[in-house]
């Protein structure tokens, strides 16, 4: 949402990106 406080969510966003597995199913999107 346009009103989301990204400063508050920064840690969770970085945590998600760091957790992405290296092997990825071809032709897919998260």
ModelCIF file with pLDDT and N, C-alpha, C, O atoms, coordinates in Angstrom:
data_MODEL
#
_entry.id   MODEL 
#
_entity.id                         1 
_entity.type                       polymer 
_entity.pdbx_number_of_molecules   1 
#
_entity_poly.entity_id                      1 
_entity_poly.type                           'polypeptide(L)' 
_entity_poly.nstd_linkage                   no 
_entity_poly.nstd_monomer                   no 
_entity_poly.pdbx_seq_one_letter_code       
;(UNK)(UNK)(UNK)(UNK)(UNK)(UNK)(UNK)(UNK)(UNK)(UNK)(UNK)(UNK)(UNK)(UNK)(UNK)(UNK)
(UNK)(UNK)(UNK)(UNK)(UNK)(UNK)(UNK)(UNK)(UNK)(UNK)(UNK)(UNK)(UNK)(UNK)
;
_entity_poly.pdbx_seq_one_letter_code_can   XXXXXXXXXXXXXXXXXXXXXXXXXXXXXX 
_entity_poly.pdbx_strand_id                 A 
#
loop_
_entity_poly_seq.entity_id 
_entity_poly_seq.num 
_entity_poly_seq.mon_id 
_entity_poly_seq.hetero 
1 1  UNK n 
1 2  UNK n 
1 3  UNK n 
1 4  UNK n 
1 5  UNK n 
1 6  UNK n 
1 7  UNK n 
1 8  UNK n 
1 9  UNK n 
1 10 UNK n 
1 11 UNK n 
1 12 UNK n 
1 13 UNK n 
1 14 UNK n 
1 15 UNK n 
1 16 UNK n 
1 17 UNK n 
1 18 UNK n 
1 19 UNK n 
1 20 UNK n 
1 21 UNK n 
1 22 UNK n 
1 23 UNK n 
1 24 UNK n 
1 25 UNK n 
1 26 UNK n 
1 27 UNK n 
1 28 UNK n 
1 29 UNK n 
1 30 UNK n 
#
_struct_asym.id          A 
_struct_asym.entity_id   1 
#
loop_
_ma_qa_metric.id 
_ma_qa_metric.mode 
_ma_qa_metric.name 
_ma_qa_metric.software_group_id 
_ma_qa_metric.type 
1 global pLDDT . pLDDT 
2 local  pLDDT . pLDDT 
#
_ma_qa_metric_global.metric_id      1 
_ma_qa_metric_global.metric_value   84.83 
_ma_qa_metric_global.model_id       1 
_ma_qa_metric_global.ordinal_id     1 
#
loop_
_ma_qa_metric_local.label_asym_id 
_ma_qa_metric_local.label_comp_id 
_ma_qa_metric_local.label_seq_id 
_ma_qa_metric_local.metric_id 
_ma_qa_metric_local.metric_value 
_ma_qa_metric_local.model_id 
_ma_qa_metric_local.ordinal_id 
A UNK 1  2 86.00 1 1  
A UNK 2  2 79.00 1 2  
A UNK 3  2 79.00 1 3  
A UNK 4  2 75.00 1 4  
A UNK 5  2 81.00 1 5  
A UNK 6  2 76.00 1 6  
A UNK 7  2 79.00 1 7  
A UNK 8  2 81.00 1 8  
A UNK 9  2 83.00 1 9  
A UNK 10 2 83.00 1 10 
A UNK 11 2 84.00 1 11 
A UNK 12 2 86.00 1 12 
A UNK 13 2 86.00 1 13 
A UNK 14 2 86.00 1 14 
A UNK 15 2 88.00 1 15 
A UNK 16 2 90.00 1 16 
A UNK 17 2 89.00 1 17 
A UNK 18 2 90.00 1 18 
A UNK 19 2 91.00 1 19 
A UNK 20 2 90.00 1 20 
A UNK 21 2 86.00 1 21 
A UNK 22 2 81.00 1 22 
A UNK 23 2 80.00 1 23 
A UNK 24 2 84.00 1 24 
A UNK 25 2 84.00 1 25 
A UNK 26 2 85.00 1 26 
A UNK 27 2 87.00 1 27 
A UNK 28 2 88.00 1 28 
A UNK 29 2 93.00 1 29 
A UNK 30 2 95.00 1 30 
#
loop_
_atom_site.group_PDB 
_atom_site.id 
_atom_site.type_symbol 
_atom_site.label_atom_id 
_atom_site.label_alt_id 
_atom_site.label_comp_id 
_atom_site.label_asym_id 
_atom_site.label_entity_id 
_atom_site.label_seq_id 
_atom_site.pdbx_PDB_ins_code 
_atom_site.Cartn_x 
_atom_site.Cartn_y 
_atom_site.Cartn_z 
_atom_site.occupancy 
_atom_site.B_iso_or_equiv 
_atom_site.pdbx_formal_charge 
_atom_site.auth_seq_id 
_atom_site.auth_comp_id 
_atom_site.auth_asym_id 
_atom_site.auth_atom_id 
_atom_site.pdbx_PDB_model_num 
ATOM 1   N N  . UNK A 1 1  ? 0.838  -1.204  0.000   1.00 86.00 ? 1  UNK A N  1 
ATOM 2   C CA . UNK A 1 1  ? 0.000  0.000   0.000   1.00 86.00 ? 1  UNK A CA 1 
ATOM 3   C C  . UNK A 1 1  ? 0.872  1.253   0.000   1.00 86.00 ? 1  UNK A C  1 
ATOM 4   O O  . UNK A 1 1  ? 1.994  1.238   0.506   1.00 86.00 ? 1  UNK A O  1 
ATOM 5   N N  . UNK A 1 2  ? 0.353  2.323   -0.565  1.00 79.00 ? 2  UNK A N  1 
ATOM 6   C CA . UNK A 1 2  ? 1.142  3.553   -0.649  1.00 79.00 ? 2  UNK A CA 1 
ATOM 7   C C  . UNK A 1 2  ? 1.459  4.128   0.725   1.00 79.00 ? 2  UNK A C  1 
ATOM 8   O O  . UNK A 1 2  ? 2.378  4.934   0.864   1.00 79.00 ? 2  UNK A O  1 
ATOM 9   N N  . UNK A 1 3  ? 0.703  3.719   1.738   1.00 79.00 ? 3  UNK A N  1 
ATOM 10  C CA . UNK A 1 3  ? 0.919  4.249   3.092   1.00 79.00 ? 3  UNK A CA 1 
ATOM 11  C C  . UNK A 1 3  ? 1.831  3.376   3.943   1.00 79.00 ? 3  UNK A C  1 
ATOM 12  O O  . UNK A 1 3  ? 2.031  3.665   5.123   1.00 79.00 ? 3  UNK A O  1 
ATOM 13  N N  . UNK A 1 4  ? 2.382  2.320   3.370   1.00 75.00 ? 4  UNK A N  1 
ATOM 14  C CA . UNK A 1 4  ? 3.259  1.433   4.133   1.00 75.00 ? 4  UNK A CA 1 
ATOM 15  C C  . UNK A 1 4  ? 4.524  2.172   4.584   1.00 75.00 ? 4  UNK A C  1 
ATOM 16  O O  . UNK A 1 4  ? 5.139  2.902   3.807   1.00 75.00 ? 4  UNK A O  1 
ATOM 17  N N  . UNK A 1 5  ? 4.896  1.973   5.831   1.00 81.00 ? 5  UNK A N  1 
ATOM 18  C CA . UNK A 1 5  ? 6.106  2.578   6.392   1.00 81.00 ? 5  UNK A CA 1 
ATOM 19  C C  . UNK A 1 5  ? 7.293  1.666   6.075   1.00 81.00 ? 5  UNK A C  1 
ATOM 20  O O  . UNK A 1 5  ? 7.504  0.661   6.754   1.00 81.00 ? 5  UNK A O  1 
ATOM 21  N N  . UNK A 1 6  ? 8.072  2.019   5.039   1.00 76.00 ? 6  UNK A N  1 
ATOM 22  C CA . UNK A 1 6  ? 9.146  1.136   4.608   1.00 76.00 ? 6  UNK A CA 1 
ATOM 23  C C  . UNK A 1 6  ? 10.315 1.112   5.566   1.00 76.00 ? 6  UNK A C  1 
ATOM 24  O O  . UNK A 1 6  ? 11.050 0.126   5.620   1.00 76.00 ? 6  UNK A O  1 
ATOM 25  N N  . UNK A 1 7  ? 10.498 2.160   6.310   1.00 79.00 ? 7  UNK A N  1 
ATOM 26  C CA . UNK A 1 7  ? 11.565 2.137   7.311   1.00 79.00 ? 7  UNK A CA 1 
ATOM 27  C C  . UNK A 1 7  ? 11.294 1.048   8.342   1.00 79.00 ? 7  UNK A C  1 
ATOM 28  O O  . UNK A 1 7  ? 12.220 0.386   8.810   1.00 79.00 ? 7  UNK A O  1 
ATOM 29  N N  . UNK A 1 8  ? 10.017 0.863   8.695   1.00 81.00 ? 8  UNK A N  1 
ATOM 30  C CA . UNK A 1 8  ? 9.654  -0.160  9.673   1.00 81.00 ? 8  UNK A CA 1 
ATOM 31  C C  . UNK A 1 8  ? 9.803  -1.565  9.094   1.00 81.00 ? 8  UNK A C  1 
ATOM 32  O O  . UNK A 1 8  ? 10.108 -2.512  9.820   1.00 81.00 ? 8  UNK A O  1 
ATOM 33  N N  . UNK A 1 9  ? 9.587  -1.698  7.778   1.00 83.00 ? 9  UNK A N  1 
ATOM 34  C CA . UNK A 1 9  ? 9.621  -3.025  7.152   1.00 83.00 ? 9  UNK A CA 1 
ATOM 35  C C  . UNK A 1 9  ? 10.989 -3.387  6.577   1.00 83.00 ? 9  UNK A C  1 
ATOM 36  O O  . UNK A 1 9  ? 11.147 -4.467  6.009   1.00 83.00 ? 9  UNK A O  1 
ATOM 37  N N  . UNK A 1 10 ? 11.978 -2.506  6.714   1.00 83.00 ? 10 UNK A N  1 
ATOM 38  C CA . UNK A 1 10 ? 13.270 -2.733  6.068   1.00 83.00 ? 10 UNK A CA 1 
ATOM 39  C C  . UNK A 1 10 ? 13.906 -4.050  6.483   1.00 83.00 ? 10 UNK A C  1 
ATOM 40  O O  . UNK A 1 10 ? 14.389 -4.799  5.634   1.00 83.00 ? 10 UNK A O  1 
ATOM 41  N N  . UNK A 1 11 ? 13.911 -4.343  7.782   1.00 84.00 ? 11 UNK A N  1 
ATOM 42  C CA . UNK A 1 11 ? 14.543 -5.569  8.268   1.00 84.00 ? 11 UNK A CA 1 
ATOM 43  C C  . UNK A 1 11 ? 13.877 -6.808  7.684   1.00 84.00 ? 11 UNK A C  1 
ATOM 44  O O  . UNK A 1 11 ? 14.558 -7.757  7.294   1.00 84.00 ? 11 UNK A O  1 
ATOM 45  N N  . UNK A 1 12 ? 12.550 -6.804  7.622   1.00 86.00 ? 12 UNK A N  1 
ATOM 46  C CA . UNK A 1 12 ? 11.829 -7.954  7.079   1.00 86.00 ? 12 UNK A CA 1 
ATOM 47  C C  . UNK A 1 12 ? 12.106 -8.118  5.588   1.00 86.00 ? 12 UNK A C  1 
ATOM 48  O O  . UNK A 1 12 ? 12.213 -9.242  5.097   1.00 86.00 ? 12 UNK A O  1 
ATOM 49  N N  . UNK A 1 13 ? 12.222 -7.008  4.865   1.00 86.00 ? 13 UNK A N  1 
ATOM 50  C CA . UNK A 1 13 ? 12.498 -7.069  3.434   1.00 86.00 ? 13 UNK A CA 1 
ATOM 51  C C  . UNK A 1 13 ? 13.877 -7.669  3.183   1.00 86.00 ? 13 UNK A C  1 
ATOM 52  O O  . UNK A 1 13 ? 14.034 -8.539  2.326   1.00 86.00 ? 13 UNK A O  1 
ATOM 53  N N  . UNK A 1 14 ? 14.873 -7.205  3.929   1.00 86.00 ? 14 UNK A N  1 
ATOM 54  C CA . UNK A 1 14 ? 16.227 -7.747  3.776   1.00 86.00 ? 14 UNK A CA 1 
ATOM 55  C C  . UNK A 1 14 ? 16.256 -9.225  4.160   1.00 86.00 ? 14 UNK A C  1 
ATOM 56  O O  . UNK A 1 14 ? 16.929 -10.025 3.510   1.00 86.00 ? 14 UNK A O  1 
ATOM 57  N N  . UNK A 1 15 ? 15.538 -9.579  5.196   1.00 88.00 ? 15 UNK A N  1 
ATOM 58  C CA . UNK A 1 15 ? 15.477 -10.981 5.634   1.00 88.00 ? 15 UNK A CA 1 
ATOM 59  C C  . UNK A 1 15 ? 14.923 -11.879 4.541   1.00 88.00 ? 15 UNK A C  1 
ATOM 60  O O  . UNK A 1 15 ? 15.417 -12.987 4.333   1.00 88.00 ? 15 UNK A O  1 
ATOM 61  N N  . UNK A 1 16 ? 13.900 -11.406 3.846   1.00 90.00 ? 16 UNK A N  1 
ATOM 62  C CA . UNK A 1 16 ? 13.300 -12.196 2.774   1.00 90.00 ? 16 UNK A CA 1 
ATOM 63  C C  . UNK A 1 16 ? 14.271 -12.368 1.614   1.00 90.00 ? 16 UNK A C  1 
ATOM 64  O O  . UNK A 1 16 ? 14.436 -13.474 1.099   1.00 90.00 ? 16 UNK A O  1 
ATOM 65  N N  . UNK A 1 17 ? 14.916 -11.278 1.200   1.00 89.00 ? 17 UNK A N  1 
ATOM 66  C CA . UNK A 1 17 ? 15.855 -11.368 0.080   1.00 89.00 ? 17 UNK A CA 1 
ATOM 67  C C  . UNK A 1 17 ? 17.020 -12.294 0.423   1.00 89.00 ? 17 UNK A C  1 
ATOM 68  O O  . UNK A 1 17 ? 17.447 -13.089 -0.413  1.00 89.00 ? 17 UNK A O  1 
ATOM 69  N N  . UNK A 1 18 ? 17.530 -12.195 1.635   1.00 90.00 ? 18 UNK A N  1 
ATOM 70  C CA . UNK A 1 18 ? 18.640 -13.050 2.051   1.00 90.00 ? 18 UNK A CA 1 
ATOM 71  C C  . UNK A 1 18 ? 18.231 -14.526 2.092   1.00 90.00 ? 18 UNK A C  1 
ATOM 72  O O  . UNK A 1 18 ? 19.074 -15.407 1.925   1.00 90.00 ? 18 UNK A O  1 
ATOM 73  N N  . UNK A 1 19 ? 16.940 -14.798 2.314   1.00 91.00 ? 19 UNK A N  1 
ATOM 74  C CA . UNK A 1 19 ? 16.473 -16.175 2.456   1.00 91.00 ? 19 UNK A CA 1 
ATOM 75  C C  . UNK A 1 19 ? 16.179 -16.855 1.123   1.00 91.00 ? 19 UNK A C  1 
ATOM 76  O O  . UNK A 1 19 ? 15.930 -18.061 1.092   1.00 91.00 ? 19 UNK A O  1 
ATOM 77  N N  . UNK A 1 20 ? 16.201 -16.111 0.028   1.00 90.00 ? 20 UNK A N  1 
ATOM 78  C CA . UNK A 1 20 ? 15.857 -16.712 -1.266  1.00 90.00 ? 20 UNK A CA 1 
ATOM 79  C C  . UNK A 1 20 ? 16.822 -17.840 -1.604  1.00 90.00 ? 20 UNK A C  1 
ATOM 80  O O  . UNK A 1 20 ? 18.036 -17.639 -1.594  1.00 90.00 ? 20 UNK A O  1 
ATOM 81  N N  . UNK A 1 21 ? 16.291 -19.035 -1.905  1.00 86.00 ? 21 UNK A N  1 
ATOM 82  C CA . UNK A 1 21 ? 17.165 -20.162 -2.258  1.00 86.00 ? 21 UNK A CA 1 
ATOM 83  C C  . UNK A 1 21 ? 17.917 -19.885 -3.558  1.00 86.00 ? 21 UNK A C  1 
ATOM 84  O O  . UNK A 1 21 ? 17.441 -19.148 -4.421  1.00 86.00 ? 21 UNK A O  1 
ATOM 85  N N  . UNK A 1 22 ? 19.096 -20.486 -3.681  1.00 81.00 ? 22 UNK A N  1 
ATOM 86  C CA . UNK A 1 22 ? 19.861 -20.314 -4.900  1.00 81.00 ? 22 UNK A CA 1 
ATOM 87  C C  . UNK A 1 22 ? 19.239 -21.016 -6.092  1.00 81.00 ? 22 UNK A C  1 
ATOM 88  O O  . UNK A 1 22 ? 19.188 -20.456 -7.186  1.00 81.00 ? 22 UNK A O  1 
ATOM 89  N N  . UNK A 1 23 ? 18.765 -22.235 -5.891  1.00 80.00 ? 23 UNK A N  1 
ATOM 90  C CA . UNK A 1 23 ? 18.112 -22.983 -6.968  1.00 80.00 ? 23 UNK A CA 1 
ATOM 91  C C  . UNK A 1 23 ? 16.684 -22.472 -7.119  1.00 80.00 ? 23 UNK A C  1 
ATOM 92  O O  . UNK A 1 23 ? 15.942 -22.388 -6.140  1.00 80.00 ? 23 UNK A O  1 
ATOM 93  N N  . UNK A 1 24 ? 16.303 -22.132 -8.346  1.00 84.00 ? 24 UNK A N  1 
ATOM 94  C CA . UNK A 1 24 ? 15.018 -21.477 -8.590  1.00 84.00 ? 24 UNK A CA 1 
ATOM 95  C C  . UNK A 1 24 ? 14.287 -22.209 -9.713  1.00 84.00 ? 24 UNK A C  1 
ATOM 96  O O  . UNK A 1 24 ? 14.895 -22.492 -10.745 1.00 84.00 ? 24 UNK A O  1 
ATOM 97  N N  . UNK A 1 25 ? 13.006 -22.522 -9.547  1.00 84.00 ? 25 UNK A N  1 
ATOM 98  C CA . UNK A 1 25 ? 12.265 -23.177 -10.630 1.00 84.00 ? 25 UNK A CA 1 
ATOM 99  C C  . UNK A 1 25 ? 12.192 -22.280 -11.865 1.00 84.00 ? 25 UNK A C  1 
ATOM 100 O O  . UNK A 1 25 ? 11.800 -21.117 -11.766 1.00 84.00 ? 25 UNK A O  1 
ATOM 101 N N  . UNK A 1 26 ? 12.563 -22.809 -13.011 1.00 85.00 ? 26 UNK A N  1 
ATOM 102 C CA . UNK A 1 26 ? 12.564 -22.032 -14.240 1.00 85.00 ? 26 UNK A CA 1 
ATOM 103 C C  . UNK A 1 26 ? 11.135 -21.582 -14.580 1.00 85.00 ? 26 UNK A C  1 
ATOM 104 O O  . UNK A 1 26 ? 10.183 -22.350 -14.437 1.00 85.00 ? 26 UNK A O  1 
ATOM 105 N N  . UNK A 1 27 ? 11.000 -20.340 -15.028 1.00 87.00 ? 27 UNK A N  1 
ATOM 106 C CA . UNK A 1 27 ? 9.706  -19.835 -15.472 1.00 87.00 ? 27 UNK A CA 1 
ATOM 107 C C  . UNK A 1 27 ? 8.753  -19.466 -14.356 1.00 87.00 ? 27 UNK A C  1 
ATOM 108 O O  . UNK A 1 27 ? 7.539  -19.436 -14.563 1.00 87.00 ? 27 UNK A O  1 
ATOM 109 N N  . UNK A 1 28 ? 9.287  -19.179 -13.161 1.00 88.00 ? 28 UNK A N  1 
ATOM 110 C CA . UNK A 1 28 ? 8.423  -18.858 -12.029 1.00 88.00 ? 28 UNK A CA 1 
ATOM 111 C C  . UNK A 1 28 ? 8.805  -17.517 -11.410 1.00 88.00 ? 28 UNK A C  1 
ATOM 112 O O  . UNK A 1 28 ? 9.916  -17.018 -11.590 1.00 88.00 ? 28 UNK A O  1 
ATOM 113 N N  . UNK A 1 29 ? 7.852  -16.953 -10.677 1.00 93.00 ? 29 UNK A N  1 
ATOM 114 C CA . UNK A 1 29 ? 8.011  -15.644 -10.054 1.00 93.00 ? 29 UNK A CA 1 
ATOM 115 C C  . UNK A 1 29 ? 7.464  -15.707 -8.641  1.00 93.00 ? 29 UNK A C  1 
ATOM 116 O O  . UNK A 1 29 ? 6.468  -16.383 -8.383  1.00 93.00 ? 29 UNK A O  1 
ATOM 117 N N  . UNK A 1 30 ? 8.112  -15.007 -7.729  1.00 95.00 ? 30 UNK A N  1 
ATOM 118 C CA . UNK A 1 30 ? 7.603  -14.852 -6.377  1.00 95.00 ? 30 UNK A CA 1 
ATOM 119 C C  . UNK A 1 30 ? 6.989  -13.464 -6.257  1.00 95.00 ? 30 UNK A C  1 
ATOM 120 O O  . UNK A 1 30 ? 6.488  -13.100 -5.193  1.00 95.00 ? 30 UNK A O  1 
#
